[in-house]
Amino acid sequence: MKRRTFLRLAALAIIGIGATFIHRSTAPLGLFTFSRWQARGLKKRFFGAPSIVALGECSNYKEDLLANLRSLWDRSEIPDVQGKRVLIKPNLVDYLENYPVTTAPEMVGAVADLLFELGAREVAVGDGSAFRRETWPIAEANGLAAVLAARGLKFIDLNYDDPQPVPVQDKWLRRSTVFWLPRHVLNSDLIVSLPKLKTHHWAGVSLSLKNLLGVIPGARYGWPKNIIHINGIPQSILGIYQMLPPVISVVDGIIGMEGDGPLFGSPVPHGLLAVGRDPVSVDVTCAQLMGFSIESVLHLKLAAWAGIGQAHRIEIRGVQRERLQRRYQPPPSELKRY
């Protein structure tokens, strides 16, 4: 038997075996779509180009964050932002004093400074809170409002920003042929997902991809973004990500959260910064640095299976991952399900 024939038969066998174990989250896709995406995932795993993730150490928010981010940005080979409109998407899910719930405002300011330094034409900051309070009061409470005012940065409450219809081009967002997303999101040339490194009682971890669910307009889809729970959180994460303009990741893991995240977990002085042009690669790396495997986080497992981003061939630059390895306490009972 020729080598090429053997490889083709082996790939078909793997796809066939995988089809017998269709998870409830992929069953609505149908066998053809399932097989096509699984084949794409296998191709990326074994033959795809490596994705770069730059890791840095930073012990506190008083250090020179701009210098740290500048170095990581260069190492990760982020595309040119000259003349582009950029939306920074921090995590403003809620504010609880003494809990590391939100992205640190110092991180938002440093990323904005770097973008202007690199020639971005326009930089704005936006998010849409979940359900406990409106977004702007959270920004005022955690200090972000003062950071924005000092730089003259525009803030957009994505819960109320003029929603526009976007065709749904895959089957992750089932029951929908169009999805409505905020105008400022769709008009951006680039989105910087700037999450807080956290565990999450429903998603396992809250990182770059999970952070993007904040772009869903609550005024249209309800609170706490009810469409997510109807459709399924892992499926919604992947479906929303694929409809957005290009997304890069900058992770605030200087102080992380373990245990009962995303609100009531315990702080972890991790000292981690991560930057990359592929949010899947960044999130896989950060989850592993928290002590969680791809298999234990369903939306990362599905991304790897479907070839969305690069989950396996990852090139780490900067600080060696061993220096940043920790073991986070998982959220109550969540990770055991997978």
Protein backbone atom coordinates (compact mmCIF):
# COMPACT_ATOMS: atom_id res chain seq x y z
CA MET A 1 0.00 0.00 0.00
CA LYS A 2 1.32 3.44 -0.96
CA ARG A 3 2.13 5.88 1.85
CA ARG A 4 -0.35 8.49 0.55
CA THR A 5 -3.15 5.92 0.41
CA PHE A 6 -2.32 4.75 3.92
CA LEU A 7 -2.44 8.30 5.27
CA ARG A 8 -5.79 8.96 3.64
CA LEU A 9 -7.27 5.76 5.01
CA ALA A 10 -5.87 6.50 8.45
CA ALA A 11 -7.41 9.99 8.42
CA LEU A 12 -10.78 8.59 7.36
CA ALA A 13 -10.59 5.98 10.11
CA ILE A 14 -9.88 8.65 12.73
CA ILE A 15 -12.79 10.73 11.47
CA GLY A 16 -15.06 7.71 11.49
CA ILE A 17 -14.07 6.78 15.02
CA GLY A 18 -14.57 10.38 16.15
CA ALA A 19 -18.03 10.45 14.62
CA THR A 20 -19.11 7.66 16.93
CA PHE A 21 -18.31 9.86 19.91
CA ILE A 22 -20.16 13.01 18.89
CA HIS A 23 -20.52 15.16 21.99
CA ARG A 24 -23.93 16.71 22.61
CA SER A 25 -22.33 20.07 21.79
CA THR A 26 -21.48 18.98 18.23
CA ALA A 27 -24.44 16.73 17.44
CA PRO A 28 -26.50 19.51 15.76
CA LEU A 29 -23.70 20.08 13.23
CA GLY A 30 -24.49 16.97 11.21
CA LEU A 31 -22.05 14.29 10.13
CA PHE A 32 -20.75 16.14 7.05
CA THR A 33 -19.89 19.30 8.96
CA PHE A 34 -18.54 17.24 11.84
CA SER A 35 -16.20 15.29 9.55
CA ARG A 36 -15.08 18.40 7.65
CA TRP A 37 -14.22 20.28 10.82
CA GLN A 38 -12.54 17.30 12.40
CA ALA A 39 -10.40 16.90 9.28
CA ARG A 40 -9.48 20.59 9.51
CA GLY A 41 -8.55 20.12 13.16
CA LEU A 42 -6.31 17.15 12.35
CA LYS A 43 -4.63 19.12 9.57
CA LYS A 44 -3.90 22.04 11.88
CA ARG A 45 -2.68 19.75 14.64
CA PHE A 46 -0.16 17.88 12.52
CA PHE A 47 0.65 20.24 9.64
CA GLY A 48 -0.45 23.75 10.66
CA ALA A 49 1.97 26.61 11.11
CA PRO A 50 3.05 27.16 14.72
CA SER A 51 1.44 30.04 16.60
CA ILE A 52 3.54 32.37 18.74
CA VAL A 53 2.66 33.19 22.34
CA ALA A 54 4.92 35.60 24.22
CA LEU A 55 5.10 35.21 28.00
CA GLY A 56 6.38 37.75 30.50
CA GLU A 57 6.80 38.12 34.24
CA CYS A 58 5.47 41.15 36.06
CA SER A 59 5.00 41.10 39.81
CA ASN A 60 2.68 44.10 40.24
CA TYR A 61 0.80 46.87 38.45
CA LYS A 62 3.30 49.55 39.47
CA GLU A 63 6.03 48.14 37.25
CA ASP A 64 6.62 49.57 33.78
CA LEU A 65 3.73 47.81 32.09
CA LEU A 66 4.26 49.66 28.82
CA ALA A 67 7.85 48.43 28.50
CA ASN A 68 6.77 44.87 29.32
CA LEU A 69 3.95 44.92 26.80
CA ARG A 70 6.13 46.53 24.13
CA SER A 71 8.61 43.66 24.41
CA LEU A 72 5.92 40.96 24.35
CA TRP A 73 4.14 42.63 21.44
CA ASP A 74 7.35 42.55 19.39
CA ARG A 75 8.13 38.95 20.34
CA SER A 76 4.68 37.72 19.35
CA GLU A 77 4.85 39.42 15.92
CA ILE A 78 1.50 41.18 16.16
CA PRO A 79 0.38 42.63 12.80
CA ASP A 80 0.92 46.34 12.14
CA VAL A 81 -1.73 48.58 13.73
CA GLN A 82 -0.66 51.75 11.91
CA GLY A 83 -3.75 53.75 10.93
CA LYS A 84 -6.20 51.19 12.33
CA ARG A 85 -9.26 51.57 14.52
CA VAL A 86 -8.77 49.41 17.59
CA LEU A 87 -11.25 48.40 20.27
CA ILE A 88 -9.85 47.28 23.63
CA LYS A 89 -12.20 44.78 25.27
CA PRO A 90 -11.41 44.42 29.01
CA ASN A 91 -13.34 42.25 31.45
CA LEU A 92 -15.88 44.44 33.27
CA VAL A 93 -18.31 41.73 34.30
CA ASP A 94 -18.78 43.27 37.76
CA TYR A 95 -16.91 44.93 40.62
CA LEU A 96 -16.43 43.45 44.07
CA GLU A 97 -14.01 45.10 46.42
CA ASN A 98 -10.98 42.93 47.32
CA TYR A 99 -11.76 40.41 44.57
CA PRO A 100 -9.68 40.40 41.34
CA VAL A 101 -12.77 40.35 39.13
CA THR A 102 -11.98 42.93 36.45
CA THR A 103 -9.06 43.61 34.16
CA ALA A 104 -6.74 45.98 36.01
CA PRO A 105 -7.24 49.57 34.76
CA GLU A 106 -3.46 50.01 34.63
CA MET A 107 -3.35 47.26 32.01
CA VAL A 108 -5.98 48.99 29.89
CA GLY A 109 -4.06 52.24 30.04
CA ALA A 110 -0.76 50.58 29.11
CA VAL A 111 -2.30 48.77 26.13
CA ALA A 112 -3.88 52.01 24.91
CA ASP A 113 -0.55 53.84 25.26
CA LEU A 114 1.18 51.11 23.26
CA LEU A 115 -1.42 51.21 20.49
CA PHE A 116 -1.06 54.98 20.10
CA GLU A 117 2.71 54.60 20.16
CA LEU A 118 2.43 52.10 17.30
CA GLY A 119 0.34 54.50 15.23
CA ALA A 120 -3.24 53.36 15.74
CA ARG A 121 -5.63 55.93 14.28
CA GLU A 122 -8.32 55.45 16.90
CA VAL A 123 -8.42 53.57 20.20
CA ALA A 124 -11.62 53.01 22.17
CA VAL A 125 -12.50 50.84 25.16
CA GLY A 126 -15.74 48.90 25.43
CA ASP A 127 -17.54 46.12 27.25
CA GLY A 128 -21.04 45.06 28.22
CA SER A 129 -21.53 43.92 31.82
CA ALA A 130 -23.47 40.76 32.60
CA PHE A 131 -26.37 41.40 34.98
CA ARG A 132 -25.61 42.75 38.44
CA ARG A 133 -24.99 46.39 37.46
CA GLU A 134 -24.47 48.67 34.47
CA THR A 135 -21.06 48.76 32.79
CA TRP A 136 -20.00 52.36 33.39
CA PRO A 137 -20.47 52.23 37.20
CA ILE A 138 -18.14 49.21 37.18
CA ALA A 139 -15.56 51.25 35.27
CA GLU A 140 -15.91 54.03 37.84
CA ALA A 141 -15.63 51.66 40.78
CA ASN A 142 -12.51 49.82 39.63
CA GLY A 143 -10.63 52.96 38.55
CA LEU A 144 -10.88 52.51 34.79
CA ALA A 145 -12.93 55.68 34.32
CA ALA A 146 -10.07 57.79 35.68
CA VAL A 147 -7.57 56.01 33.40
CA LEU A 148 -9.75 56.72 30.37
CA ALA A 149 -10.28 60.35 31.34
CA ALA A 150 -6.54 60.92 31.72
CA ARG A 151 -6.01 59.74 28.13
CA GLY A 152 -9.17 61.13 26.57
CA LEU A 153 -10.28 57.64 25.59
CA LYS A 154 -13.84 56.96 24.50
CA PHE A 155 -15.79 54.31 26.41
CA ILE A 156 -18.56 52.32 24.72
CA ASP A 157 -21.17 50.38 26.66
CA LEU A 158 -21.57 47.46 24.27
CA ASN A 159 -24.86 46.47 25.86
CA TYR A 160 -26.46 49.51 24.23
CA ASP A 161 -24.24 50.26 21.25
CA ASP A 162 -26.26 50.31 18.02
CA PRO A 163 -26.53 46.59 17.09
CA GLN A 164 -26.08 45.48 13.48
CA PRO A 165 -27.01 42.12 11.89
CA VAL A 166 -24.21 39.72 10.99
CA PRO A 167 -24.84 36.53 8.97
CA VAL A 168 -24.16 33.35 10.91
CA GLN A 169 -21.81 31.39 8.68
CA ASP A 170 -21.45 28.21 10.72
CA LYS A 171 -23.60 26.06 12.98
CA TRP A 172 -22.16 26.90 16.39
CA LEU A 173 -24.93 29.47 16.86
CA ARG A 174 -27.81 27.16 16.11
CA ARG A 175 -31.35 28.46 15.77
CA SER A 176 -29.95 31.67 14.20
CA THR A 177 -29.25 32.79 10.64
CA VAL A 178 -28.15 36.27 11.73
CA PHE A 179 -26.70 37.58 14.96
CA TRP A 180 -26.71 41.18 16.17
CA LEU A 181 -23.44 42.73 17.29
CA PRO A 182 -22.51 46.30 18.34
CA ARG A 183 -21.65 48.74 15.58
CA HIS A 184 -18.35 49.79 17.18
CA VAL A 185 -17.29 46.16 17.36
CA LEU A 186 -18.00 45.50 13.69
CA ASN A 187 -16.43 48.79 12.57
CA SER A 188 -13.15 48.06 14.34
CA ASP A 189 -10.15 46.91 12.33
CA LEU A 190 -8.78 45.05 15.32
CA ILE A 191 -10.04 43.94 18.73
CA VAL A 192 -7.68 43.53 21.67
CA SER A 193 -9.20 41.00 24.05
CA LEU A 194 -7.78 42.01 27.44
CA PRO A 195 -9.11 39.52 30.00
CA LYS A 196 -8.37 38.91 33.64
CA LEU A 197 -6.86 35.43 34.16
CA LYS A 198 -9.62 33.60 36.06
CA THR A 199 -11.42 30.36 36.65
CA HIS A 200 -15.09 30.28 35.68
CA HIS A 201 -17.80 28.10 37.17
CA TRP A 202 -19.49 27.53 33.81
CA ALA A 203 -16.69 27.84 31.22
CA GLY A 204 -13.83 26.38 33.26
CA VAL A 205 -11.56 29.35 32.58
CA SER A 206 -12.24 32.96 31.65
CA LEU A 207 -9.57 34.12 29.22
CA SER A 208 -9.38 35.80 25.79
CA LEU A 209 -12.18 33.85 24.11
CA LYS A 210 -14.63 33.81 27.01
CA ASN A 211 -14.01 37.55 27.43
CA LEU A 212 -15.46 38.15 23.95
CA LEU A 213 -18.96 37.21 25.11
CA GLY A 214 -19.08 40.71 26.60
CA VAL A 215 -19.64 42.09 23.08
CA ILE A 216 -23.13 40.56 22.98
CA PRO A 217 -25.60 43.46 23.36
CA GLY A 218 -27.63 42.86 26.50
CA ALA A 219 -30.30 45.30 25.33
CA ARG A 220 -31.14 42.87 22.55
CA TYR A 221 -30.35 39.48 24.08
CA GLY A 222 -31.16 40.10 27.75
CA TRP A 223 -29.22 39.67 30.95
CA PRO A 224 -27.13 37.72 31.76
CA LYS A 225 -26.83 37.54 27.94
CA ASN A 226 -29.50 34.86 27.90
CA ILE A 227 -28.77 33.75 24.33
CA ILE A 228 -25.47 32.31 25.59
CA HIS A 229 -27.20 29.92 27.95
CA ILE A 230 -29.85 28.95 25.40
CA ASN A 231 -27.25 28.18 22.75
CA GLY A 232 -24.59 26.77 25.09
CA ILE A 233 -21.56 28.63 26.45
CA PRO A 234 -18.81 26.72 24.56
CA GLN A 235 -20.72 26.94 21.27
CA SER A 236 -21.46 30.65 21.80
CA ILE A 237 -17.81 31.41 22.52
CA LEU A 238 -16.66 29.85 19.25
CA GLY A 239 -19.56 31.22 17.21
CA ILE A 240 -19.09 34.81 18.39
CA TYR A 241 -15.32 34.66 17.91
CA GLN A 242 -15.69 33.61 14.29
CA MET A 243 -17.97 36.58 13.47
CA LEU A 244 -15.65 39.27 14.82
CA PRO A 245 -12.92 41.34 13.19
CA PRO A 246 -9.36 40.07 13.86
CA VAL A 247 -8.74 39.54 17.57
CA ILE A 248 -5.42 39.57 19.42
CA SER A 249 -4.93 38.67 23.06
CA VAL A 250 -3.25 40.45 25.95
CA VAL A 251 -3.85 38.57 29.21
CA ASP A 252 -3.73 40.25 32.62
CA GLY A 253 -2.45 37.47 34.84
CA ILE A 254 -0.44 39.60 37.25
CA ILE A 255 -3.09 38.82 39.85
CA GLY A 256 -5.27 35.90 38.80
CA MET A 257 -8.32 34.26 40.36
CA GLU A 258 -8.80 30.62 41.35
CA GLY A 259 -11.67 28.63 42.79
CA ASP A 260 -15.16 30.13 42.63
CA GLY A 261 -14.59 32.40 39.64
CA PRO A 262 -15.44 34.58 37.86
CA LEU A 263 -16.61 36.67 40.83
CA PHE A 264 -15.95 35.11 44.21
CA GLY A 265 -12.66 33.26 43.75
CA SER A 266 -9.42 33.81 45.62
CA PRO A 267 -6.57 35.99 44.30
CA VAL A 268 -3.45 34.33 42.92
CA PRO A 269 -0.27 36.46 42.67
CA HIS A 270 0.75 34.84 39.40
CA GLY A 271 2.89 37.56 37.80
CA LEU A 272 1.91 36.50 34.28
CA LEU A 273 1.54 38.53 31.09
CA ALA A 274 0.70 36.78 27.81
CA VAL A 275 0.40 38.25 24.31
CA GLY A 276 -0.43 36.60 20.99
CA ARG A 277 -2.20 37.02 17.67
CA ASP A 278 -4.19 33.77 18.06
CA PRO A 279 -6.56 33.82 21.05
CA VAL A 280 -6.90 30.03 20.96
CA SER A 281 -3.14 29.54 21.34
CA VAL A 282 -2.96 32.16 24.07
CA ASP A 283 -5.87 30.63 26.01
CA VAL A 284 -4.54 27.08 25.69
CA THR A 285 -1.18 28.26 27.00
CA CYS A 286 -2.67 30.24 29.88
CA ALA A 287 -5.04 27.43 30.86
CA GLN A 288 -2.09 25.04 30.97
CA LEU A 289 -0.14 27.52 33.10
CA MET A 290 -3.11 27.47 35.49
CA GLY A 291 -2.84 23.68 35.62
CA PHE A 292 -5.76 22.87 33.28
CA SER A 293 -5.55 20.74 30.14
CA ILE A 294 -7.30 21.41 26.83
CA GLU A 295 -9.50 18.40 27.53
CA SER A 296 -10.82 19.94 30.75
CA VAL A 297 -12.03 23.20 29.11
CA LEU A 298 -14.77 22.39 26.62
CA HIS A 299 -14.56 25.44 24.37
CA LEU A 300 -10.79 24.93 23.99
CA LYS A 301 -11.30 21.22 23.35
CA LEU A 302 -13.87 22.02 20.64
CA ALA A 303 -11.64 24.69 19.09
CA ALA A 304 -8.79 22.18 18.87
CA TRP A 305 -11.09 19.54 17.38
CA ALA A 306 -12.56 21.90 14.76
CA GLY A 307 -9.30 23.59 13.79
CA ILE A 308 -10.35 27.01 15.07
CA GLY A 309 -7.04 28.64 15.87
CA GLN A 310 -3.93 26.64 16.72
CA ALA A 311 -4.25 24.61 19.91
CA HIS A 312 -1.29 22.26 19.57
CA ARG A 313 1.62 23.73 17.61
CA ILE A 314 2.52 26.68 19.85
CA GLU A 315 5.88 28.41 20.02
CA ILE A 316 6.57 30.04 23.40
CA ARG A 317 8.79 33.11 23.42
CA GLY A 318 10.03 35.21 26.30
CA VAL A 319 9.95 33.75 29.80
CA GLN A 320 10.10 29.96 29.98
CA ARG A 321 6.73 28.48 30.83
CA GLU A 322 8.19 26.50 33.74
CA ARG A 323 8.78 29.77 35.59
CA LEU A 324 5.11 30.67 35.27
CA GLN A 325 3.54 27.29 35.95
CA ARG A 326 0.98 27.25 38.77
CA ARG A 327 -1.82 24.95 39.90
CA TYR A 328 -5.08 26.85 40.32
CA GLN A 329 -7.93 25.49 42.38
CA PRO A 330 -10.67 24.67 39.83
CA PRO A 331 -14.17 26.13 40.10
CA PRO A 332 -16.55 24.02 42.18
CA SER A 333 -17.35 20.75 40.36
CA GLU A 334 -17.24 22.37 36.90
CA LEU A 335 -14.09 20.84 35.45
CA LYS A 336 -15.01 17.37 36.66
CA ARG A 337 -17.77 17.23 34.07
CA TYR A 338 -15.32 17.08 31.21
